[in-house]
Amino acid sequence: MEQSIREGFGLADRDVREISSLSLAFLGDSVYELIVRTLLVEQSADRPKVLSQKKSRLVRAETQAAMADYLRTENLLTEEELAVYRRGRNANPATTARHATVGDYHRATGFESLMGYLYLAGREERLVELVRLGLEHAEEENQ
């Protein structure tokens, strides 16, 4: 999809490594949420209000931080991915989430940075794989 957007709007190729961590997180937040929304719509016939509640549980900083912790501690990230995550985690955002600890917010920002990075790098299969692994872990934790 990223390539279609580039072509459709006449955007030049850009080295994803030159994009700031917070910009990657800005994009990665939306990419991750789009994946979650797609899954929820495809897996359920719930009303939009219920879908929104389910989505909120999955996209909150606490869940993203737990997914990042799992991916990191289980050594599921490559060195490159880990470096992108760390850059995002260590960035200094101007705001914080209202309902998250500072630590969760920073780890979630690292996770979102990684999502944005993989998306812009055209590594959508890897992006989906990591989200799938993280969501499977999150579901196991909530049972």
C-alpha atoms as a PDB file:
ATOM      1  CA  MET A   1       0.000   0.000   0.000  1.00  0.00           C
ATOM      2  CA  GLU A   2       2.847   2.384   0.836  1.00  0.00           C
ATOM      3  CA  GLN A   3       4.202   2.123  -2.709  1.00  0.00           C
ATOM      4  CA  SER A   4       0.741   2.804  -4.163  1.00  0.00           C
ATOM      5  CA  ILE A   5       0.505   5.960  -2.074  1.00  0.00           C
ATOM      6  CA  ARG A   6       3.957   7.079  -3.242  1.00  0.00           C
ATOM      7  CA  GLU A   7       3.075   6.493  -6.878  1.00  0.00           C
ATOM      8  CA  GLY A   8      -0.432   7.956  -6.629  1.00  0.00           C
ATOM      9  CA  PHE A   9       0.789  11.194  -5.091  1.00  0.00           C
ATOM     10  CA  GLY A  10       4.092  11.433  -6.928  1.00  0.00           C
ATOM     11  CA  LEU A  11       6.205  11.139  -3.781  1.00  0.00           C
ATOM     12  CA  ALA A  12       9.923  10.557  -4.153  1.00  0.00           C
ATOM     13  CA  ASP A  13      11.565   7.566  -2.511  1.00  0.00           C
ATOM     14  CA  ARG A  14      13.089   8.508   0.819  1.00  0.00           C
ATOM     15  CA  ASP A  15      15.540   6.706   3.070  1.00  0.00           C
ATOM     16  CA  VAL A  16      13.400   5.583   5.978  1.00  0.00           C
ATOM     17  CA  ARG A  17      16.452   5.771   8.278  1.00  0.00           C
ATOM     18  CA  GLU A  18      16.433   9.555   7.871  1.00  0.00           C
ATOM     19  CA  ILE A  19      12.924   9.951   9.292  1.00  0.00           C
ATOM     20  CA  SER A  20      12.679  10.905  12.964  1.00  0.00           C
ATOM     21  CA  SER A  21      11.550   8.299  15.458  1.00  0.00           C
ATOM     22  CA  LEU A  22       8.570  10.377  16.491  1.00  0.00           C
ATOM     23  CA  SER A  23       7.465  10.772  12.869  1.00  0.00           C
ATOM     24  CA  LEU A  24       7.752   7.008  12.443  1.00  0.00           C
ATOM     25  CA  ALA A  25       5.691   6.555  15.610  1.00  0.00           C
ATOM     26  CA  PHE A  26       3.076   9.016  14.296  1.00  0.00           C
ATOM     27  CA  LEU A  27       2.665   6.862  11.196  1.00  0.00           C
ATOM     28  CA  GLY A  28       3.153   3.531  12.970  1.00  0.00           C
ATOM     29  CA  ASP A  29       0.306   4.288  15.366  1.00  0.00           C
ATOM     30  CA  SER A  30      -2.083   4.539  12.416  1.00  0.00           C
ATOM     31  CA  VAL A  31      -0.653   1.514  10.630  1.00  0.00           C
ATOM     32  CA  TYR A  32      -1.044  -0.631  13.751  1.00  0.00           C
ATOM     33  CA  GLU A  33      -4.562   0.673  14.354  1.00  0.00           C
ATOM     34  CA  LEU A  34      -5.535  -0.076  10.746  1.00  0.00           C
ATOM     35  CA  ILE A  35      -4.369  -3.673  11.183  1.00  0.00           C
ATOM     36  CA  VAL A  36      -6.349  -4.008  14.421  1.00  0.00           C
ATOM     37  CA  ARG A  37      -9.481  -2.445  12.902  1.00  0.00           C
ATOM     38  CA  THR A  38      -9.209  -4.742   9.871  1.00  0.00           C
ATOM     39  CA  LEU A  39      -8.929  -7.804  12.105  1.00  0.00           C
ATOM     40  CA  LEU A  40     -11.883  -6.781  14.244  1.00  0.00           C
ATOM     41  CA  VAL A  41     -14.167  -6.104  11.260  1.00  0.00           C
ATOM     42  CA  GLU A  42     -13.169  -9.352   9.558  1.00  0.00           C
ATOM     43  CA  GLN A  43     -13.535 -11.466  12.710  1.00  0.00           C
ATOM     44  CA  SER A  44     -16.715 -10.034  14.150  1.00  0.00           C
ATOM     45  CA  ALA A  45     -20.181  -8.836  13.246  1.00  0.00           C
ATOM     46  CA  ASP A  46     -20.295  -6.579  16.314  1.00  0.00           C
ATOM     47  CA  ARG A  47     -21.774  -3.113  16.232  1.00  0.00           C
ATOM     48  CA  PRO A  48     -19.299  -0.244  15.736  1.00  0.00           C
ATOM     49  CA  LYS A  49     -19.503   0.727  19.417  1.00  0.00           C
ATOM     50  CA  VAL A  50     -18.392  -2.765  20.493  1.00  0.00           C
ATOM     51  CA  LEU A  51     -15.706  -2.837  17.807  1.00  0.00           C
ATOM     52  CA  SER A  52     -14.429   0.517  19.067  1.00  0.00           C
ATOM     53  CA  GLN A  53     -14.233  -0.794  22.637  1.00  0.00           C
ATOM     54  CA  LYS A  54     -12.305  -3.863  21.513  1.00  0.00           C
ATOM     55  CA  LYS A  55     -10.007  -1.685  19.393  1.00  0.00           C
ATOM     56  CA  SER A  56      -9.311   0.622  22.328  1.00  0.00           C
ATOM     57  CA  ARG A  57      -8.088  -2.297  24.450  1.00  0.00           C
ATOM     58  CA  LEU A  58      -5.687  -3.388  21.728  1.00  0.00           C
ATOM     59  CA  VAL A  59      -4.240  -0.013  20.726  1.00  0.00           C
ATOM     60  CA  ARG A  60      -3.694   1.487  24.166  1.00  0.00           C
ATOM     61  CA  ALA A  61      -0.136   2.160  25.281  1.00  0.00           C
ATOM     62  CA  GLU A  62      -0.185  -0.593  27.921  1.00  0.00           C
ATOM     63  CA  THR A  63      -0.981  -3.280  25.334  1.00  0.00           C
ATOM     64  CA  GLN A  64       1.554  -1.955  22.842  1.00  0.00           C
ATOM     65  CA  ALA A  65       4.212  -1.831  25.568  1.00  0.00           C
ATOM     66  CA  ALA A  66       3.465  -5.440  26.548  1.00  0.00           C
ATOM     67  CA  MET A  67       3.702  -6.509  22.912  1.00  0.00           C
ATOM     68  CA  ALA A  68       7.039  -4.719  22.548  1.00  0.00           C
ATOM     69  CA  ASP A  69       8.346  -6.336  25.737  1.00  0.00           C
ATOM     70  CA  TYR A  70       7.333  -9.765  24.474  1.00  0.00           C
ATOM     71  CA  LEU A  71       8.908  -9.300  21.055  1.00  0.00           C
ATOM     72  CA  ARG A  72      12.097  -7.991  22.634  1.00  0.00           C
ATOM     73  CA  THR A  73      12.482 -10.496  25.469  1.00  0.00           C
ATOM     74  CA  GLU A  74      11.730 -13.458  23.203  1.00  0.00           C
ATOM     75  CA  ASN A  75      14.438 -12.236  20.791  1.00  0.00           C
ATOM     76  CA  LEU A  76      11.934 -11.985  17.942  1.00  0.00           C
ATOM     77  CA  LEU A  77      13.369  -8.708  16.633  1.00  0.00           C
ATOM     78  CA  THR A  78      16.367  -8.422  14.360  1.00  0.00           C
ATOM     79  CA  GLU A  79      19.231  -6.137  15.386  1.00  0.00           C
ATOM     80  CA  GLU A  80      17.964  -3.518  12.916  1.00  0.00           C
ATOM     81  CA  GLU A  81      14.412  -3.716  14.306  1.00  0.00           C
ATOM     82  CA  LEU A  82      15.677  -3.550  17.865  1.00  0.00           C
ATOM     83  CA  ALA A  83      17.685  -0.423  17.046  1.00  0.00           C
ATOM     84  CA  VAL A  84      14.587   1.252  15.545  1.00  0.00           C
ATOM     85  CA  TYR A  85      12.532   0.262  18.607  1.00  0.00           C
ATOM     86  CA  ARG A  86      15.161   1.636  20.999  1.00  0.00           C
ATOM     87  CA  ARG A  87      15.411   4.924  19.079  1.00  0.00           C
ATOM     88  CA  GLY A  88      11.649   5.338  19.337  1.00  0.00           C
ATOM     89  CA  ARG A  89      11.529   4.301  22.977  1.00  0.00           C
ATOM     90  CA  ASN A  90      14.246   6.792  23.880  1.00  0.00           C
ATOM     91  CA  ALA A  91      12.728   9.702  21.935  1.00  0.00           C
ATOM     92  CA  ASN A  92      11.387  12.631  23.915  1.00  0.00           C
ATOM     93  CA  PRO A  93       7.749  13.171  22.920  1.00  0.00           C
ATOM     94  CA  ALA A  94       6.125  16.481  23.789  1.00  0.00           C
ATOM     95  CA  THR A  95       3.113  14.727  25.314  1.00  0.00           C
ATOM     96  CA  THR A  96       2.286  11.554  27.205  1.00  0.00           C
ATOM     97  CA  ALA A  97      -0.786   9.354  27.311  1.00  0.00           C
ATOM     98  CA  ARG A  98      -3.338  10.221  29.951  1.00  0.00           C
ATOM     99  CA  HIS A  99      -3.974   6.639  30.998  1.00  0.00           C
ATOM    100  CA  ALA A 100      -0.483   5.139  30.738  1.00  0.00           C
ATOM    101  CA  THR A 101       2.659   5.117  32.801  1.00  0.00           C
ATOM    102  CA  VAL A 102       5.636   6.991  31.400  1.00  0.00           C
ATOM    103  CA  GLY A 103       7.438   3.671  30.878  1.00  0.00           C
ATOM    104  CA  ASP A 104       4.522   2.128  29.001  1.00  0.00           C
ATOM    105  CA  TYR A 105       4.194   5.248  26.868  1.00  0.00           C
ATOM    106  CA  HIS A 106       7.877   5.193  25.906  1.00  0.00           C
ATOM    107  CA  ARG A 107       7.816   1.470  25.070  1.00  0.00           C
ATOM    108  CA  ALA A 108       4.609   1.960  23.064  1.00  0.00           C
ATOM    109  CA  THR A 109       6.287   4.808  21.167  1.00  0.00           C
ATOM    110  CA  GLY A 110       9.168   2.447  20.355  1.00  0.00           C
ATOM    111  CA  PHE A 111       6.672  -0.150  19.128  1.00  0.00           C
ATOM    112  CA  GLU A 112       4.886   2.424  16.974  1.00  0.00           C
ATOM    113  CA  SER A 113       8.224   3.633  15.568  1.00  0.00           C
ATOM    114  CA  LEU A 114       9.011   0.080  14.529  1.00  0.00           C
ATOM    115  CA  MET A 115       5.584  -0.271  12.886  1.00  0.00           C
ATOM    116  CA  GLY A 116       6.113   2.945  10.928  1.00  0.00           C
ATOM    117  CA  TYR A 117       9.624   1.930   9.942  1.00  0.00           C
ATOM    118  CA  LEU A 118       8.591  -1.470   8.624  1.00  0.00           C
ATOM    119  CA  TYR A 119       5.670   0.063   6.743  1.00  0.00           C
ATOM    120  CA  LEU A 120       7.784   2.715   5.020  1.00  0.00           C
ATOM    121  CA  ALA A 121      10.551   0.199   4.322  1.00  0.00           C
ATOM    122  CA  GLY A 122       8.005  -1.887   2.387  1.00  0.00           C
ATOM    123  CA  ARG A 123       8.339  -4.780   4.817  1.00  0.00           C
ATOM    124  CA  GLU A 124       4.617  -5.322   5.303  1.00  0.00           C
ATOM    125  CA  GLU A 125       4.922  -9.108   5.709  1.00  0.00           C
ATOM    126  CA  ARG A 126       7.319  -8.636   8.619  1.00  0.00           C
ATOM    127  CA  LEU A 127       5.082  -5.923  10.062  1.00  0.00           C
ATOM    128  CA  VAL A 128       2.074  -8.248   9.985  1.00  0.00           C
ATOM    129  CA  GLU A 129       4.131 -11.108  11.433  1.00  0.00           C
ATOM    130  CA  LEU A 130       5.251  -9.039  14.433  1.00  0.00           C
ATOM    131  CA  VAL A 131       1.748  -7.694  15.067  1.00  0.00           C
ATOM    132  CA  ARG A 132       0.335 -11.227  14.856  1.00  0.00           C
ATOM    133  CA  LEU A 133       2.901 -12.556  17.345  1.00  0.00           C
ATOM    134  CA  GLY A 134       2.299  -9.630  19.689  1.00  0.00           C
ATOM    135  CA  LEU A 135      -1.481  -9.936  19.548  1.00  0.00           C
ATOM    136  CA  GLU A 136      -1.339 -13.694  20.115  1.00  0.00           C
ATOM    137  CA  HIS A 137       0.748 -13.056  23.215  1.00  0.00           C
ATOM    138  CA  ALA A 138      -1.625 -10.322  24.392  1.00  0.00           C
ATOM    139  CA  GLU A 139      -4.597 -12.676  24.002  1.00  0.00           C
ATOM    140  CA  GLU A 140      -2.792 -15.388  25.999  1.00  0.00           C
ATOM    141  CA  GLU A 141      -2.068 -12.891  28.776  1.00  0.00           C
ATOM    142  CA  ASN A 142      -5.721 -11.806  28.955  1.00  0.00           C
ATOM    143  CA  GLN A 143      -7.126 -15.334  29.287  1.00  0.00           C
END
